[in-house]
């Protein structure tokens, strides 16, 4: 009979993530008050791409995978600064691990809140970003003796930059690279899940400026 060993920290994860979301909400409210809600511009988009993993042992077993990243961004005419909320998903890999080549699965997801520093040069908008990300990693090793399950999270700094190319009707092309350090120890052994992200996609923006109404003159 197989025994099951589960390492779970759901309550601390939920509490920590909820606290970060509350802090991010406060920052957004203060930012809107400072810049003026009538001057805010909202961006919605999706980026796709690949990611590297620094740990060579992980690469040998699982390889380097694909990811997708939907995002919501707020910018303003009053400042070069903006705010971005993004989700990172899609990395789920199967591989044989250990001396007996037992089947296993590794998945990584993340949520990040970042400040954006951007400058527009005609249709080109280069930007830099820095923020905080919550990254969730799960590993399931199906051993003949013991089934290991890890489900944890870790907070890390996110650094990156990119380029938007403006198109008509509020659309734009976007490309981005990011660096995320992420060293974890699921089984008392340090594993470096950090790496680089190379992404490209498309976005759409619209402003929240109040529309002027043309009144009929009697």
C-alpha atoms as a PDB file:
ATOM      1  CA  UNK A   1       0.000   0.000   0.000  1.00  0.00           C
ATOM      2  CA  UNK A   2       1.233   3.473  -0.847  1.00  0.00           C
ATOM      3  CA  UNK A   3       1.491   6.066   1.874  1.00  0.00           C
ATOM      4  CA  UNK A   4       0.873   9.698   1.034  1.00  0.00           C
ATOM      5  CA  UNK A   5       2.985  12.544   2.343  1.00  0.00           C
ATOM      6  CA  UNK A   6       1.518  15.990   1.722  1.00  0.00           C
ATOM      7  CA  UNK A   7       3.275  19.278   2.383  1.00  0.00           C
ATOM      8  CA  UNK A   8       0.641  22.018   2.342  1.00  0.00           C
ATOM      9  CA  UNK A   9       0.488  25.515   3.713  1.00  0.00           C
ATOM     10  CA  UNK A  10      -2.860  26.682   2.373  1.00  0.00           C
ATOM     11  CA  UNK A  11      -3.829  28.966   5.243  1.00  0.00           C
ATOM     12  CA  UNK A  12      -0.533  30.919   5.297  1.00  0.00           C
ATOM     13  CA  UNK A  13      -0.612  31.134   1.485  1.00  0.00           C
ATOM     14  CA  UNK A  14      -4.163  32.496   1.394  1.00  0.00           C
ATOM     15  CA  UNK A  15      -3.521  34.936   4.237  1.00  0.00           C
ATOM     16  CA  UNK A  16      -0.273  36.223   2.711  1.00  0.00           C
ATOM     17  CA  UNK A  17      -1.778  36.569  -0.771  1.00  0.00           C
ATOM     18  CA  UNK A  18      -4.885  38.336   0.550  1.00  0.00           C
ATOM     19  CA  UNK A  19      -2.654  40.800   2.410  1.00  0.00           C
ATOM     20  CA  UNK A  20      -0.689  41.544  -0.755  1.00  0.00           C
ATOM     21  CA  UNK A  21      -3.881  42.057  -2.766  1.00  0.00           C
ATOM     22  CA  UNK A  22      -5.164  44.527  -0.152  1.00  0.00           C
ATOM     23  CA  UNK A  23      -1.869  46.451  -0.288  1.00  0.00           C
ATOM     24  CA  UNK A  24      -1.999  46.510  -4.096  1.00  0.00           C
ATOM     25  CA  UNK A  25      -5.589  47.802  -3.990  1.00  0.00           C
ATOM     26  CA  UNK A  26      -4.528  50.644  -1.662  1.00  0.00           C
ATOM     27  CA  UNK A  27      -1.660  51.545  -4.013  1.00  0.00           C
ATOM     28  CA  UNK A  28      -4.030  51.625  -7.011  1.00  0.00           C
ATOM     29  CA  UNK A  29      -6.502  53.875  -5.188  1.00  0.00           C
ATOM     30  CA  UNK A  30      -3.739  56.296  -4.126  1.00  0.00           C
ATOM     31  CA  UNK A  31      -2.323  56.297  -7.651  1.00  0.00           C
ATOM     32  CA  UNK A  32      -5.726  57.123  -9.197  1.00  0.00           C
ATOM     33  CA  UNK A  33      -6.285  59.915  -6.665  1.00  0.00           C
ATOM     34  CA  UNK A  34      -2.830  61.347  -7.397  1.00  0.00           C
ATOM     35  CA  UNK A  35      -3.097  61.265 -11.179  1.00  0.00           C
ATOM     36  CA  UNK A  36      -6.800  61.988 -11.515  1.00  0.00           C
ATOM     37  CA  UNK A  37      -9.359  59.368 -12.579  1.00  0.00           C
ATOM     38  CA  UNK A  38     -10.295  61.455 -15.600  1.00  0.00           C
ATOM     39  CA  UNK A  39      -6.792  61.081 -17.032  1.00  0.00           C
ATOM     40  CA  UNK A  40      -6.328  57.358 -16.470  1.00  0.00           C
ATOM     41  CA  UNK A  41      -5.776  54.974 -19.374  1.00  0.00           C
ATOM     42  CA  UNK A  42      -6.597  51.275 -19.042  1.00  0.00           C
ATOM     43  CA  UNK A  43      -4.639  48.594 -20.906  1.00  0.00           C
ATOM     44  CA  UNK A  44      -5.752  44.985 -21.371  1.00  0.00           C
ATOM     45  CA  UNK A  45      -3.595  42.408 -23.129  1.00  0.00           C
ATOM     46  CA  UNK A  46      -2.072  38.979 -23.446  1.00  0.00           C
ATOM     47  CA  UNK A  47       1.566  37.940 -23.815  1.00  0.00           C
ATOM     48  CA  UNK A  48       2.852  34.500 -24.797  1.00  0.00           C
ATOM     49  CA  UNK A  49       6.370  33.106 -24.754  1.00  0.00           C
ATOM     50  CA  UNK A  50       8.963  30.873 -23.167  1.00  0.00           C
ATOM     51  CA  UNK A  51      10.896  30.768 -19.934  1.00  0.00           C
ATOM     52  CA  UNK A  52      14.282  29.497 -18.880  1.00  0.00           C
ATOM     53  CA  UNK A  53      15.064  27.671 -15.625  1.00  0.00           C
ATOM     54  CA  UNK A  54      18.431  28.233 -13.934  1.00  0.00           C
ATOM     55  CA  UNK A  55      18.618  24.804 -12.261  1.00  0.00           C
ATOM     56  CA  UNK A  56      20.231  22.370 -14.715  1.00  0.00           C
ATOM     57  CA  UNK A  57      18.768  19.330 -12.916  1.00  0.00           C
ATOM     58  CA  UNK A  58      15.246  20.675 -13.382  1.00  0.00           C
ATOM     59  CA  UNK A  59      15.935  21.388 -17.062  1.00  0.00           C
ATOM     60  CA  UNK A  60      17.187  17.819 -17.588  1.00  0.00           C
ATOM     61  CA  UNK A  61      13.986  16.349 -16.134  1.00  0.00           C
ATOM     62  CA  UNK A  62      11.291  18.823 -17.187  1.00  0.00           C
ATOM     63  CA  UNK A  63      12.850  21.029 -19.841  1.00  0.00           C
ATOM     64  CA  UNK A  64      12.032  24.712 -20.337  1.00  0.00           C
ATOM     65  CA  UNK A  65       8.414  25.445 -21.030  1.00  0.00           C
ATOM     66  CA  UNK A  66       5.781  27.720 -22.524  1.00  0.00           C
ATOM     67  CA  UNK A  67       3.824  30.311 -20.559  1.00  0.00           C
ATOM     68  CA  UNK A  68       1.025  32.822 -21.057  1.00  0.00           C
ATOM     69  CA  UNK A  69       0.520  36.093 -19.206  1.00  0.00           C
ATOM     70  CA  UNK A  70      -2.681  38.188 -19.327  1.00  0.00           C
ATOM     71  CA  UNK A  71      -2.224  41.678 -17.881  1.00  0.00           C
ATOM     72  CA  UNK A  72      -4.071  44.801 -16.754  1.00  0.00           C
ATOM     73  CA  UNK A  73      -2.195  48.104 -16.768  1.00  0.00           C
ATOM     74  CA  UNK A  74      -3.075  51.632 -15.627  1.00  0.00           C
ATOM     75  CA  UNK A  75      -1.235  54.658 -17.018  1.00  0.00           C
ATOM     76  CA  UNK A  76      -1.788  58.414 -16.970  1.00  0.00           C
ATOM     77  CA  UNK A  77      -0.933  61.520 -18.975  1.00  0.00           C
ATOM     78  CA  UNK A  78       0.253  63.252 -15.811  1.00  0.00           C
ATOM     79  CA  UNK A  79       3.121  60.915 -15.023  1.00  0.00           C
ATOM     80  CA  UNK A  80       5.575  58.528 -16.656  1.00  0.00           C
ATOM     81  CA  UNK A  81       4.692  55.940 -14.017  1.00  0.00           C
ATOM     82  CA  UNK A  82       2.058  53.247 -14.334  1.00  0.00           C
ATOM     83  CA  UNK A  83       0.844  50.137 -12.526  1.00  0.00           C
ATOM     84  CA  UNK A  84       0.491  46.614 -13.895  1.00  0.00           C
ATOM     85  CA  UNK A  85      -1.177  43.471 -12.586  1.00  0.00           C
ATOM     86  CA  UNK A  86      -0.257  40.260 -14.436  1.00  0.00           C
ATOM     87  CA  UNK A  87      -0.850  36.535 -14.138  1.00  0.00           C
ATOM     88  CA  UNK A  88       1.656  33.913 -15.263  1.00  0.00           C
ATOM     89  CA  UNK A  89       0.505  30.393 -16.113  1.00  0.00           C
ATOM     90  CA  UNK A  90       0.914  27.528 -18.534  1.00  0.00           C
ATOM     91  CA  UNK A  91       4.112  25.930 -17.160  1.00  0.00           C
ATOM     92  CA  UNK A  92       3.238  22.322 -16.375  1.00  0.00           C
ATOM     93  CA  UNK A  93       5.742  19.607 -17.234  1.00  0.00           C
ATOM     94  CA  UNK A  94       5.933  15.834 -16.722  1.00  0.00           C
ATOM     95  CA  UNK A  95       9.196  13.942 -16.308  1.00  0.00           C
ATOM     96  CA  UNK A  96      10.929  10.896 -14.869  1.00  0.00           C
ATOM     97  CA  UNK A  97      12.874  11.674 -11.714  1.00  0.00           C
ATOM     98  CA  UNK A  98      15.252   9.943  -9.302  1.00  0.00           C
ATOM     99  CA  UNK A  99      17.230   6.713  -9.359  1.00  0.00           C
ATOM    100  CA  UNK A 100      14.190   4.642 -10.346  1.00  0.00           C
ATOM    101  CA  UNK A 101      12.924   7.161 -12.910  1.00  0.00           C
ATOM    102  CA  UNK A 102       9.579   7.650 -11.180  1.00  0.00           C
ATOM    103  CA  UNK A 103       6.921   9.732 -12.892  1.00  0.00           C
ATOM    104  CA  UNK A 104       6.463  13.279 -11.622  1.00  0.00           C
ATOM    105  CA  UNK A 105       4.809  16.572 -12.524  1.00  0.00           C
ATOM    106  CA  UNK A 106       5.973  20.141 -11.884  1.00  0.00           C
ATOM    107  CA  UNK A 107       3.771  23.211 -12.332  1.00  0.00           C
ATOM    108  CA  UNK A 108       4.532  26.900 -11.753  1.00  0.00           C
ATOM    109  CA  UNK A 109       2.154  29.870 -11.689  1.00  0.00           C
ATOM    110  CA  UNK A 110       2.481  33.450 -10.501  1.00  0.00           C
ATOM    111  CA  UNK A 111       0.728  36.748  -9.788  1.00  0.00           C
ATOM    112  CA  UNK A 112       2.667  40.001  -9.904  1.00  0.00           C
ATOM    113  CA  UNK A 113       2.097  43.681  -9.175  1.00  0.00           C
ATOM    114  CA  UNK A 114       4.661  46.034 -10.710  1.00  0.00           C
ATOM    115  CA  UNK A 115       5.398  49.707 -11.199  1.00  0.00           C
ATOM    116  CA  UNK A 116       5.993  50.746 -14.825  1.00  0.00           C
ATOM    117  CA  UNK A 117       8.274  53.558 -15.984  1.00  0.00           C
ATOM    118  CA  UNK A 118       7.428  54.355 -19.617  1.00  0.00           C
ATOM    119  CA  UNK A 119       8.135  57.049 -22.205  1.00  0.00           C
ATOM    120  CA  UNK A 120       6.441  57.515 -25.552  1.00  0.00           C
ATOM    121  CA  UNK A 121       8.433  58.297 -28.713  1.00  0.00           C
ATOM    122  CA  UNK A 122       5.832  58.482 -31.454  1.00  0.00           C
ATOM    123  CA  UNK A 123       4.415  54.958 -31.884  1.00  0.00           C
ATOM    124  CA  UNK A 124       7.207  53.421 -29.747  1.00  0.00           C
ATOM    125  CA  UNK A 125       6.766  53.133 -25.976  1.00  0.00           C
ATOM    126  CA  UNK A 126       9.750  51.522 -24.191  1.00  0.00           C
ATOM    127  CA  UNK A 127       9.319  50.747 -20.497  1.00  0.00           C
ATOM    128  CA  UNK A 128      10.998  49.320 -17.410  1.00  0.00           C
ATOM    129  CA  UNK A 129       9.178  47.493 -14.637  1.00  0.00           C
ATOM    130  CA  UNK A 130       9.871  46.419 -11.067  1.00  0.00           C
ATOM    131  CA  UNK A 131       7.530  44.795  -8.608  1.00  0.00           C
ATOM    132  CA  UNK A 132       6.599  41.919  -6.338  1.00  0.00           C
ATOM    133  CA  UNK A 133       5.428  38.506  -7.496  1.00  0.00           C
ATOM    134  CA  UNK A 134       3.802  35.604  -5.690  1.00  0.00           C
ATOM    135  CA  UNK A 135       4.881  32.355  -7.328  1.00  0.00           C
ATOM    136  CA  UNK A 136       3.207  29.026  -6.623  1.00  0.00           C
ATOM    137  CA  UNK A 137       5.028  25.768  -7.301  1.00  0.00           C
ATOM    138  CA  UNK A 138       3.597  22.266  -7.157  1.00  0.00           C
ATOM    139  CA  UNK A 139       5.455  18.992  -7.520  1.00  0.00           C
ATOM    140  CA  UNK A 140       3.978  15.498  -7.416  1.00  0.00           C
ATOM    141  CA  UNK A 141       6.347  12.500  -7.370  1.00  0.00           C
ATOM    142  CA  UNK A 142       4.605   9.137  -7.781  1.00  0.00           C
ATOM    143  CA  UNK A 143       7.008   6.849  -5.919  1.00  0.00           C
ATOM    144  CA  UNK A 144       6.427   3.123  -5.375  1.00  0.00           C
ATOM    145  CA  UNK A 145       6.841   3.584  -1.619  1.00  0.00           C
ATOM    146  CA  UNK A 146       5.822   7.162  -0.826  1.00  0.00           C
ATOM    147  CA  UNK A 147       3.844   9.681  -2.849  1.00  0.00           C
ATOM    148  CA  UNK A 148       5.351  13.152  -2.364  1.00  0.00           C
ATOM    149  CA  UNK A 149       3.229  16.237  -2.906  1.00  0.00           C
ATOM    150  CA  UNK A 150       4.471  19.793  -2.548  1.00  0.00           C
ATOM    151  CA  UNK A 151       2.211  22.824  -2.814  1.00  0.00           C
ATOM    152  CA  UNK A 152       3.898  26.040  -1.683  1.00  0.00           C
ATOM    153  CA  UNK A 153       4.416  29.656  -2.632  1.00  0.00           C
ATOM    154  CA  UNK A 154       7.145  32.249  -2.393  1.00  0.00           C
ATOM    155  CA  UNK A 155       7.302  36.020  -2.758  1.00  0.00           C
ATOM    156  CA  UNK A 156      10.035  37.441  -4.974  1.00  0.00           C
ATOM    157  CA  UNK A 157      11.130  40.603  -6.742  1.00  0.00           C
ATOM    158  CA  UNK A 158      10.305  40.877 -10.462  1.00  0.00           C
ATOM    159  CA  UNK A 159      12.468  42.980 -12.798  1.00  0.00           C
ATOM    160  CA  UNK A 160      11.989  43.517 -16.493  1.00  0.00           C
ATOM    161  CA  UNK A 161      11.477  45.770 -19.449  1.00  0.00           C
ATOM    162  CA  UNK A 162       9.842  45.857 -22.830  1.00  0.00           C
ATOM    163  CA  UNK A 163       8.584  47.768 -25.830  1.00  0.00           C
ATOM    164  CA  UNK A 164       5.056  48.599 -26.995  1.00  0.00           C
ATOM    165  CA  UNK A 165       4.368  49.558 -30.615  1.00  0.00           C
ATOM    166  CA  UNK A 166       1.205  51.611 -30.981  1.00  0.00           C
ATOM    167  CA  UNK A 167      -1.317  50.656 -33.638  1.00  0.00           C
ATOM    168  CA  UNK A 168      -4.581  52.327 -34.734  1.00  0.00           C
ATOM    169  CA  UNK A 169      -7.800  52.082 -32.686  1.00  0.00           C
ATOM    170  CA  UNK A 170      -5.975  51.752 -29.359  1.00  0.00           C
ATOM    171  CA  UNK A 171      -4.270  48.436 -30.195  1.00  0.00           C
ATOM    172  CA  UNK A 172      -0.540  47.847 -29.780  1.00  0.00           C
ATOM    173  CA  UNK A 173       2.052  45.104 -30.076  1.00  0.00           C
ATOM    174  CA  UNK A 174       4.021  44.377 -26.925  1.00  0.00           C
ATOM    175  CA  UNK A 175       7.238  42.485 -26.170  1.00  0.00           C
ATOM    176  CA  UNK A 176       8.843  41.948 -22.780  1.00  0.00           C
ATOM    177  CA  UNK A 177      11.623  40.209 -20.901  1.00  0.00           C
ATOM    178  CA  UNK A 178      11.601  39.516 -17.154  1.00  0.00           C
ATOM    179  CA  UNK A 179      14.002  38.200 -14.552  1.00  0.00           C
ATOM    180  CA  UNK A 180      12.607  36.313 -11.559  1.00  0.00           C
ATOM    181  CA  UNK A 181      14.836  34.807  -8.825  1.00  0.00           C
ATOM    182  CA  UNK A 182      13.141  31.808  -7.194  1.00  0.00           C
ATOM    183  CA  UNK A 183      15.121  29.422  -4.996  1.00  0.00           C
ATOM    184  CA  UNK A 184      13.026  26.853  -3.112  1.00  0.00           C
ATOM    185  CA  UNK A 185      13.694  23.835  -0.892  1.00  0.00           C
ATOM    186  CA  UNK A 186      10.774  21.392  -1.246  1.00  0.00           C
ATOM    187  CA  UNK A 187      12.653  18.380   0.188  1.00  0.00           C
ATOM    188  CA  UNK A 188      15.468  20.014   2.196  1.00  0.00           C
ATOM    189  CA  UNK A 189      17.371  20.563  -1.009  1.00  0.00           C
ATOM    190  CA  UNK A 190      17.713  23.955  -2.681  1.00  0.00           C
ATOM    191  CA  UNK A 191      16.275  24.071  -6.202  1.00  0.00           C
ATOM    192  CA  UNK A 192      16.644  27.178  -8.376  1.00  0.00           C
ATOM    193  CA  UNK A 193      13.353  27.627 -10.241  1.00  0.00           C
ATOM    194  CA  UNK A 194      14.230  31.190 -11.185  1.00  0.00           C
ATOM    195  CA  UNK A 195      14.848  32.220 -14.753  1.00  0.00           C
ATOM    196  CA  UNK A 196      14.153  34.609 -17.615  1.00  0.00           C
ATOM    197  CA  UNK A 197      10.887  35.152 -19.442  1.00  0.00           C
ATOM    198  CA  UNK A 198      10.705  36.207 -23.094  1.00  0.00           C
ATOM    199  CA  UNK A 199       7.197  37.281 -24.076  1.00  0.00           C
ATOM    200  CA  UNK A 200       5.336  38.913 -26.956  1.00  0.00           C
ATOM    201  CA  UNK A 201       1.685  39.671 -27.514  1.00  0.00           C
ATOM    202  CA  UNK A 202      -0.981  42.248 -28.197  1.00  0.00           C
ATOM    203  CA  UNK A 203      -2.802  44.814 -26.071  1.00  0.00           C
ATOM    204  CA  UNK A 204      -5.663  47.236 -26.282  1.00  0.00           C
ATOM    205  CA  UNK A 205      -6.011  50.524 -24.399  1.00  0.00           C
ATOM    206  CA  UNK A 206      -8.829  52.958 -23.751  1.00  0.00           C
ATOM    207  CA  UNK A 207      -8.954  56.134 -21.707  1.00  0.00           C
ATOM    208  CA  UNK A 208     -11.306  57.140 -18.922  1.00  0.00           C
ATOM    209  CA  UNK A 209     -11.508  60.790 -19.912  1.00  0.00           C
ATOM    210  CA  UNK A 210     -15.007  62.232 -19.653  1.00  0.00           C
ATOM    211  CA  UNK A 211     -16.518  62.738 -23.110  1.00  0.00           C
ATOM    212  CA  UNK A 212     -17.547  66.232 -24.068  1.00  0.00           C
ATOM    213  CA  UNK A 213     -21.198  66.507 -24.986  1.00  0.00           C
ATOM    214  CA  UNK A 214     -22.392  68.759 -27.759  1.00  0.00           C
ATOM    215  CA  UNK A 215     -25.461  70.618 -26.570  1.00  0.00           C
ATOM    216  CA  UNK A 216     -28.151  71.758 -28.944  1.00  0.00           C
ATOM    217  CA  UNK A 217     -28.482  75.505 -29.153  1.00  0.00           C
ATOM    218  CA  UNK A 218     -32.099  76.544 -29.198  1.00  0.00           C
END
